[in-house]
C-alpha atoms as a PDB file:
ATOM      1  CA  MET A   1     -36.293 -73.757 -39.698  1.00  0.00           C
ATOM      2  CA  TYR A   2     -35.201 -72.933 -36.223  1.00  0.00           C
ATOM      3  CA  SER A   3     -37.618 -73.907 -33.642  1.00  0.00           C
ATOM      4  CA  THR A   4     -38.962 -71.037 -31.786  1.00  0.00           C
ATOM      5  CA  GLY A   5     -38.464 -70.470 -28.272  1.00  0.00           C
ATOM      6  CA  ALA A   6     -39.371 -68.028 -25.413  1.00  0.00           C
ATOM      7  CA  ASP A   7     -37.092 -65.324 -26.898  1.00  0.00           C
ATOM      8  CA  GLY A   8     -37.706 -66.123 -30.672  1.00  0.00           C
ATOM      9  CA  PRO A   9     -36.112 -68.279 -33.073  1.00  0.00           C
ATOM     10  CA  GLU A  10     -32.903 -70.468 -31.485  1.00  0.00           C
ATOM     11  CA  GLN A  11     -29.784 -69.221 -33.100  1.00  0.00           C
ATOM     12  CA  PRO A  12     -27.677 -72.436 -34.347  1.00  0.00           C
ATOM     13  CA  ASP A  13     -24.364 -71.223 -32.782  1.00  0.00           C
ATOM     14  CA  ARG A  14     -26.188 -70.685 -29.697  1.00  0.00           C
ATOM     15  CA  ALA A  15     -27.605 -74.193 -29.766  1.00  0.00           C
ATOM     16  CA  ILE A  16     -24.476 -75.681 -30.456  1.00  0.00           C
ATOM     17  CA  GLU A  17     -22.854 -73.940 -27.484  1.00  0.00           C
ATOM     18  CA  LEU A  18     -25.502 -75.186 -25.106  1.00  0.00           C
ATOM     19  CA  ARG A  19     -25.162 -78.690 -26.414  1.00  0.00           C
ATOM     20  CA  GLN A  20     -21.550 -78.754 -26.344  1.00  0.00           C
ATOM     21  CA  GLY A  21     -21.580 -77.217 -22.691  1.00  0.00           C
ATOM     22  CA  THR A  22     -24.247 -79.708 -21.351  1.00  0.00           C
ATOM     23  CA  ALA A  23     -22.572 -82.352 -22.914  1.00  0.00           C
ATOM     24  CA  GLN A  24     -19.248 -81.816 -21.163  1.00  0.00           C
ATOM     25  CA  ARG A  25     -20.716 -81.145 -18.341  1.00  0.00           C
ATOM     26  CA  PHE A  26     -22.440 -84.335 -18.176  1.00  0.00           C
ATOM     27  CA  ARG A  27     -19.078 -86.116 -18.882  1.00  0.00           C
ATOM     28  CA  ASN A  28     -17.431 -84.375 -15.710  1.00  0.00           C
ATOM     29  CA  THR A  29     -20.061 -85.723 -13.527  1.00  0.00           C
ATOM     30  CA  ASP A  30     -20.314 -89.429 -11.966  1.00  0.00           C
ATOM     31  CA  LEU A  31     -24.021 -89.383 -12.797  1.00  0.00           C
ATOM     32  CA  PRO A  32     -25.503 -92.214 -14.374  1.00  0.00           C
ATOM     33  CA  LEU A  33     -27.488 -91.584 -17.495  1.00  0.00           C
ATOM     34  CA  GLU A  34     -30.290 -93.635 -16.371  1.00  0.00           C
ATOM     35  CA  LYS A  35     -30.641 -91.870 -12.790  1.00  0.00           C
ATOM     36  CA  LEU A  36     -29.989 -88.398 -14.755  1.00  0.00           C
ATOM     37  CA  TRP A  37     -32.804 -89.445 -17.147  1.00  0.00           C
ATOM     38  CA  MET A  38     -35.324 -90.257 -14.502  1.00  0.00           C
ATOM     39  CA  TYR A  39     -34.727 -87.308 -12.443  1.00  0.00           C
ATOM     40  CA  TYR A  40     -34.934 -85.106 -15.847  1.00  0.00           C
ATOM     41  CA  TYR A  41     -37.949 -86.624 -16.673  1.00  0.00           C
ATOM     42  CA  GLY A  42     -39.701 -86.137 -13.347  1.00  0.00           C
ATOM     43  CA  ILE A  43     -39.537 -82.724 -13.561  1.00  0.00           C
ATOM     44  CA  GLY A  44     -41.047 -82.372 -16.488  1.00  0.00           C
ATOM     45  CA  GLY A  45     -38.579 -83.622 -19.302  1.00  0.00           C
ATOM     46  CA  ASP A  46     -40.283 -85.088 -22.433  1.00  0.00           C
ATOM     47  CA  ILE A  47     -37.158 -86.990 -24.343  1.00  0.00           C
ATOM     48  CA  ASP A  48     -36.884 -90.738 -24.078  1.00  0.00           C
ATOM     49  CA  GLU A  49     -33.487 -91.820 -22.292  1.00  0.00           C
ATOM     50  CA  MET A  50     -32.310 -93.065 -25.723  1.00  0.00           C
ATOM     51  CA  SER A  51     -32.610 -89.605 -27.079  1.00  0.00           C
ATOM     52  CA  LEU A  52     -31.194 -87.985 -24.048  1.00  0.00           C
ATOM     53  CA  ASP A  53     -28.056 -90.419 -24.501  1.00  0.00           C
ATOM     54  CA  ALA A  54     -27.714 -88.861 -27.826  1.00  0.00           C
ATOM     55  CA  TYR A  55     -28.120 -85.623 -27.079  1.00  0.00           C
ATOM     56  CA  LEU A  56     -25.235 -85.835 -24.450  1.00  0.00           C
ATOM     57  CA  HIS A  57     -22.978 -87.212 -27.108  1.00  0.00           C
ATOM     58  CA  GLU A  58     -23.744 -84.088 -29.206  1.00  0.00           C
ATOM     59  CA  ALA A  59     -25.259 -86.495 -31.768  1.00  0.00           C
ATOM     60  CA  LEU A  60     -28.890 -84.793 -31.581  1.00  0.00           C
ATOM     61  CA  ASP A  61     -30.465 -81.163 -31.060  1.00  0.00           C
ATOM     62  CA  ILE A  62     -33.261 -80.684 -28.757  1.00  0.00           C
ATOM     63  CA  PRO A  63     -35.544 -77.350 -27.916  1.00  0.00           C
ATOM     64  CA  ALA A  64     -33.614 -75.145 -25.707  1.00  0.00           C
ATOM     65  CA  ALA A  65     -36.280 -75.678 -22.988  1.00  0.00           C
ATOM     66  CA  GLN A  66     -35.344 -79.367 -22.676  1.00  0.00           C
ATOM     67  CA  VAL A  67     -31.507 -78.268 -22.688  1.00  0.00           C
ATOM     68  CA  GLY A  68     -32.545 -76.180 -19.382  1.00  0.00           C
ATOM     69  CA  LEU A  69     -34.358 -78.925 -17.722  1.00  0.00           C
ATOM     70  CA  ILE A  70     -31.388 -81.273 -18.428  1.00  0.00           C
ATOM     71  CA  ALA A  71     -29.051 -78.557 -16.969  1.00  0.00           C
ATOM     72  CA  ALA A  72     -31.483 -78.172 -14.062  1.00  0.00           C
ATOM     73  CA  ALA A  73     -31.439 -81.976 -13.465  1.00  0.00           C
ATOM     74  CA  MET A  74     -27.677 -82.194 -13.191  1.00  0.00           C
ATOM     75  CA  THR A  75     -27.349 -79.502 -11.004  1.00  0.00           C
ATOM     76  CA  GLU A  76     -29.843 -80.541  -8.475  1.00  0.00           C
ATOM     77  CA  MET A  77     -28.606 -84.327  -8.686  1.00  0.00           C
ATOM     78  CA  THR A  78     -25.077 -82.998  -8.236  1.00  0.00           C
ATOM     79  CA  GLU A  79     -25.988 -80.741  -5.068  1.00  0.00           C
ATOM     80  CA  MET A  80     -27.696 -83.598  -3.627  1.00  0.00           C
ATOM     81  CA  THR A  81     -24.576 -86.258  -3.979  1.00  0.00           C
ATOM     82  CA  GLU A  82     -22.388 -83.510  -2.796  1.00  0.00           C
ATOM     83  CA  GLY A  83     -24.807 -82.969   0.146  1.00  0.00           C
ATOM     84  CA  ASP A  84     -24.562 -86.500   1.133  1.00  0.00           C
ATOM     85  CA  SER A  85     -20.598 -86.865   0.976  1.00  0.00           C
ATOM     86  CA  ILE A  86     -20.418 -83.704   3.869  1.00  0.00           C
END
């Protein structure tokens, strides 16, 4: 059974695409997992650090809302890091 989100049941292909994109994006950054998890948790994320690690290694599916929070955390942290280097 697929989880129901704001847009109705999540489609498996879309979930896979989101997971792969987020995982690839994480691999392309210098963000430490622990710092990403702390930031993500601080903005309302509710999966633990081990689950986040599994998700980012494409070994765990999580709800789309949590994927959005992970993506937001990565974006915000990347912007802060880029702002520090200027």
